[in-house]
C-alpha atoms as a PDB file:
ATOM      1  CA  MET A   1     -23.039  43.192-120.560  1.00  0.00           C
ATOM      2  CA  THR A   2     -22.579  41.312-116.741  1.00  0.00           C
ATOM      3  CA  THR A   3     -24.353  38.720-115.427  1.00  0.00           C
ATOM      4  CA  THR A   4     -24.983  38.236-111.713  1.00  0.00           C
ATOM      5  CA  ARG A   5     -24.539  34.998-110.400  1.00  0.00           C
ATOM      6  CA  LYS A   6     -27.451  33.427-109.084  1.00  0.00           C
ATOM      7  CA  GLN A   7     -27.450  32.827-104.693  1.00  0.00           C
ATOM      8  CA  TYR A   8     -29.702  29.910-103.184  1.00  0.00           C
ATOM      9  CA  SER A   9     -30.816  30.899-100.152  1.00  0.00           C
ATOM     10  CA  PRO A  10     -29.346  27.706 -97.393  1.00  0.00           C
ATOM     11  CA  LYS A  11     -32.902  26.102 -96.771  1.00  0.00           C
ATOM     12  CA  PHE A  12     -33.130  25.629-100.672  1.00  0.00           C
ATOM     13  CA  LYS A  13     -30.052  24.537-101.098  1.00  0.00           C
ATOM     14  CA  ALA A  14     -30.774  21.907 -97.617  1.00  0.00           C
ATOM     15  CA  LYS A  15     -33.837  20.780 -99.171  1.00  0.00           C
ATOM     16  CA  VAL A  16     -32.396  20.052-103.040  1.00  0.00           C
ATOM     17  CA  ALA A  17     -29.272  18.351-101.118  1.00  0.00           C
ATOM     18  CA  VAL A  18     -31.510  15.815 -99.005  1.00  0.00           C
ATOM     19  CA  GLU A  19     -32.824  14.624-102.413  1.00  0.00           C
ATOM     20  CA  ALA A  20     -29.768  14.198-103.561  1.00  0.00           C
ATOM     21  CA  ILE A  21     -28.903  11.908 -99.924  1.00  0.00           C
ATOM     22  CA  ARG A  22     -31.816  10.240-100.263  1.00  0.00           C
ATOM     23  CA  GLY A  23     -31.255   8.628-104.011  1.00  0.00           C
ATOM     24  CA  GLU A  24     -34.337   8.397-105.112  1.00  0.00           C
ATOM     25  CA  ARG A  25     -33.876  10.156-108.157  1.00  0.00           C
ATOM     26  CA  PRO A  26     -30.427  10.876-109.882  1.00  0.00           C
ATOM     27  CA  LEU A  27     -28.806  13.976-110.108  1.00  0.00           C
ATOM     28  CA  SER A  28     -29.674  14.838-113.324  1.00  0.00           C
ATOM     29  CA  GLN A  29     -33.454  14.532-112.935  1.00  0.00           C
ATOM     30  CA  LEU A  30     -33.237  16.768-109.865  1.00  0.00           C
ATOM     31  CA  ALA A  31     -31.057  19.266-111.991  1.00  0.00           C
ATOM     32  CA  SER A  32     -33.621  19.580-114.716  1.00  0.00           C
ATOM     33  CA  GLN A  33     -36.406  19.978-112.141  1.00  0.00           C
ATOM     34  CA  TYR A  34     -34.469  23.025-109.816  1.00  0.00           C
ATOM     35  CA  HIS A  35     -32.689  24.017-112.894  1.00  0.00           C
ATOM     36  CA  VAL A  36     -29.569  24.027-110.977  1.00  0.00           C
ATOM     37  CA  HIS A  37     -26.240  21.808-112.698  1.00  0.00           C
ATOM     38  CA  PRO A  38     -25.605  18.010-111.457  1.00  0.00           C
ATOM     39  CA  VAL A  39     -22.255  19.044-110.151  1.00  0.00           C
ATOM     40  CA  GLN A  40     -23.766  21.853-107.862  1.00  0.00           C
ATOM     41  CA  ILE A  41     -26.374  19.704-106.457  1.00  0.00           C
ATOM     42  CA  GLY A  42     -23.150  16.815-106.052  1.00  0.00           C
ATOM     43  CA  GLN A  43     -21.577  19.820-104.174  1.00  0.00           C
ATOM     44  CA  TRP A  44     -23.992  20.090-101.951  1.00  0.00           C
ATOM     45  CA  ARG A  45     -25.021  16.617-100.960  1.00  0.00           C
ATOM     46  CA  LYS A  46     -21.089  16.468-100.067  1.00  0.00           C
ATOM     47  CA  THR A  47     -21.178  19.357 -98.488  1.00  0.00           C
ATOM     48  CA  ALA A  48     -24.324  18.525 -96.399  1.00  0.00           C
ATOM     49  CA  THR A  49     -22.879  14.668 -95.661  1.00  0.00           C
ATOM     50  CA  GLU A  50     -19.557  15.854 -94.367  1.00  0.00           C
ATOM     51  CA  GLN A  51     -21.067  18.355 -91.866  1.00  0.00           C
ATOM     52  CA  MET A  52     -23.760  16.302 -91.010  1.00  0.00           C
ATOM     53  CA  PRO A  53     -21.479  14.795 -87.873  1.00  0.00           C
ATOM     54  CA  GLU A  54     -21.484  18.483 -86.440  1.00  0.00           C
ATOM     55  CA  LEU A  55     -24.668  18.735 -85.883  1.00  0.00           C
ATOM     56  CA  PHE A  56     -25.219  15.765 -83.336  1.00  0.00           C
ATOM     57  CA  VAL A  57     -22.332  16.700 -81.184  1.00  0.00           C
ATOM     58  CA  ASP A  58     -23.439  17.261 -77.268  1.00  0.00           C
ATOM     59  CA  GLY A  59     -24.389  21.081 -76.645  1.00  0.00           C
ATOM     60  CA  ARG A  60     -23.125  20.981 -73.517  1.00  0.00           C
ATOM     61  CA  LYS A  61     -19.103  20.531 -74.779  1.00  0.00           C
ATOM     62  CA  GLN A  62     -19.743  23.341 -77.508  1.00  0.00           C
ATOM     63  CA  LYS A  63     -20.158  25.801 -74.358  1.00  0.00           C
ATOM     64  CA  ARG A  64     -17.462  24.363 -72.407  1.00  0.00           C
ATOM     65  CA  GLY A  65     -14.852  25.387 -75.579  1.00  0.00           C
ATOM     66  CA  GLY A  66     -16.208  28.951 -75.606  1.00  0.00           C
ATOM     67  CA  GLU A  67     -15.626  29.379 -72.052  1.00  0.00           C
ATOM     68  CA  GLU A  68     -12.076  28.248 -72.499  1.00  0.00           C
ATOM     69  CA  VAL A  69     -11.547  30.347 -75.228  1.00  0.00           C
ATOM     70  CA  GLU A  70     -12.613  33.370 -73.290  1.00  0.00           C
ATOM     71  CA  LYS A  71     -10.580  32.498 -70.154  1.00  0.00           C
ATOM     72  CA  ASP A  72      -7.855  32.426 -72.457  1.00  0.00           C
ATOM     73  CA  ALA A  73      -8.702  35.779 -73.738  1.00  0.00           C
ATOM     74  CA  LEU A  74      -9.077  37.044 -70.270  1.00  0.00           C
ATOM     75  CA  TYR A  75      -5.196  35.519 -69.073  1.00  0.00           C
ATOM     76  CA  GLU A  76      -3.440  37.138 -72.065  1.00  0.00           C
ATOM     77  CA  GLU A  77      -4.957  40.177 -71.388  1.00  0.00           C
ATOM     78  CA  ILE A  78      -3.813  39.966 -67.436  1.00  0.00           C
ATOM     79  CA  GLY A  79      -0.494  39.140 -68.644  1.00  0.00           C
ATOM     80  CA  ARG A  80      -0.452  42.110 -71.186  1.00  0.00           C
ATOM     81  CA  LEU A  81      -1.704  44.356 -68.151  1.00  0.00           C
ATOM     82  CA  LYS A  82       1.010  42.760 -65.750  1.00  0.00           C
ATOM     83  CA  VAL A  83       4.025  43.845 -68.423  1.00  0.00           C
ATOM     84  CA  GLU A  84       2.460  47.465 -68.770  1.00  0.00           C
ATOM     85  CA  LEU A  85       2.070  47.833 -64.874  1.00  0.00           C
ATOM     86  CA  ASP A  86       5.852  46.556 -64.138  1.00  0.00           C
ATOM     87  CA  TRP A  87       6.700  49.148 -67.613  1.00  0.00           C
ATOM     88  CA  LEU A  88       5.462  51.723 -65.471  1.00  0.00           C
ATOM     89  CA  LYS A  89       6.708  51.034 -62.234  1.00  0.00           C
ATOM     90  CA  LYS A  90      10.196  51.113 -63.943  1.00  0.00           C
ATOM     91  CA  LYS A  91       9.533  53.987 -65.545  1.00  0.00           C
ATOM     92  CA  VAL A  92       8.142  55.977 -62.195  1.00  0.00           C
ATOM     93  CA  GLY A  93      11.445  54.737 -60.426  1.00  0.00           C
ATOM     94  CA  LEU A  94      13.834  56.282 -62.584  1.00  0.00           C
ATOM     95  CA  LEU A  95      11.749  59.696 -62.620  1.00  0.00           C
ATOM     96  CA  ASP A  96      12.186  59.828 -58.744  1.00  0.00           C
END
């Protein structure tokens, strides 16, 4: 008999993690309330606290990073095309 793993929505995980971060009730009580293992709640709490600083990063700085990645990809494409063009010029020169 196969069993399928229970999958929780990100919204549910966030709700439980926020309650765990608040610390108003122990993990065992939250676990019995939400029918989730206390270790799982601890992992969600740890993940939430680790990723929390990324939520407050200035969005304007993130866009610049994306533009730099795109710019690098375009320069890489230009380099490949130049090499291909040089090779074609050399090949045509041999045929004449």
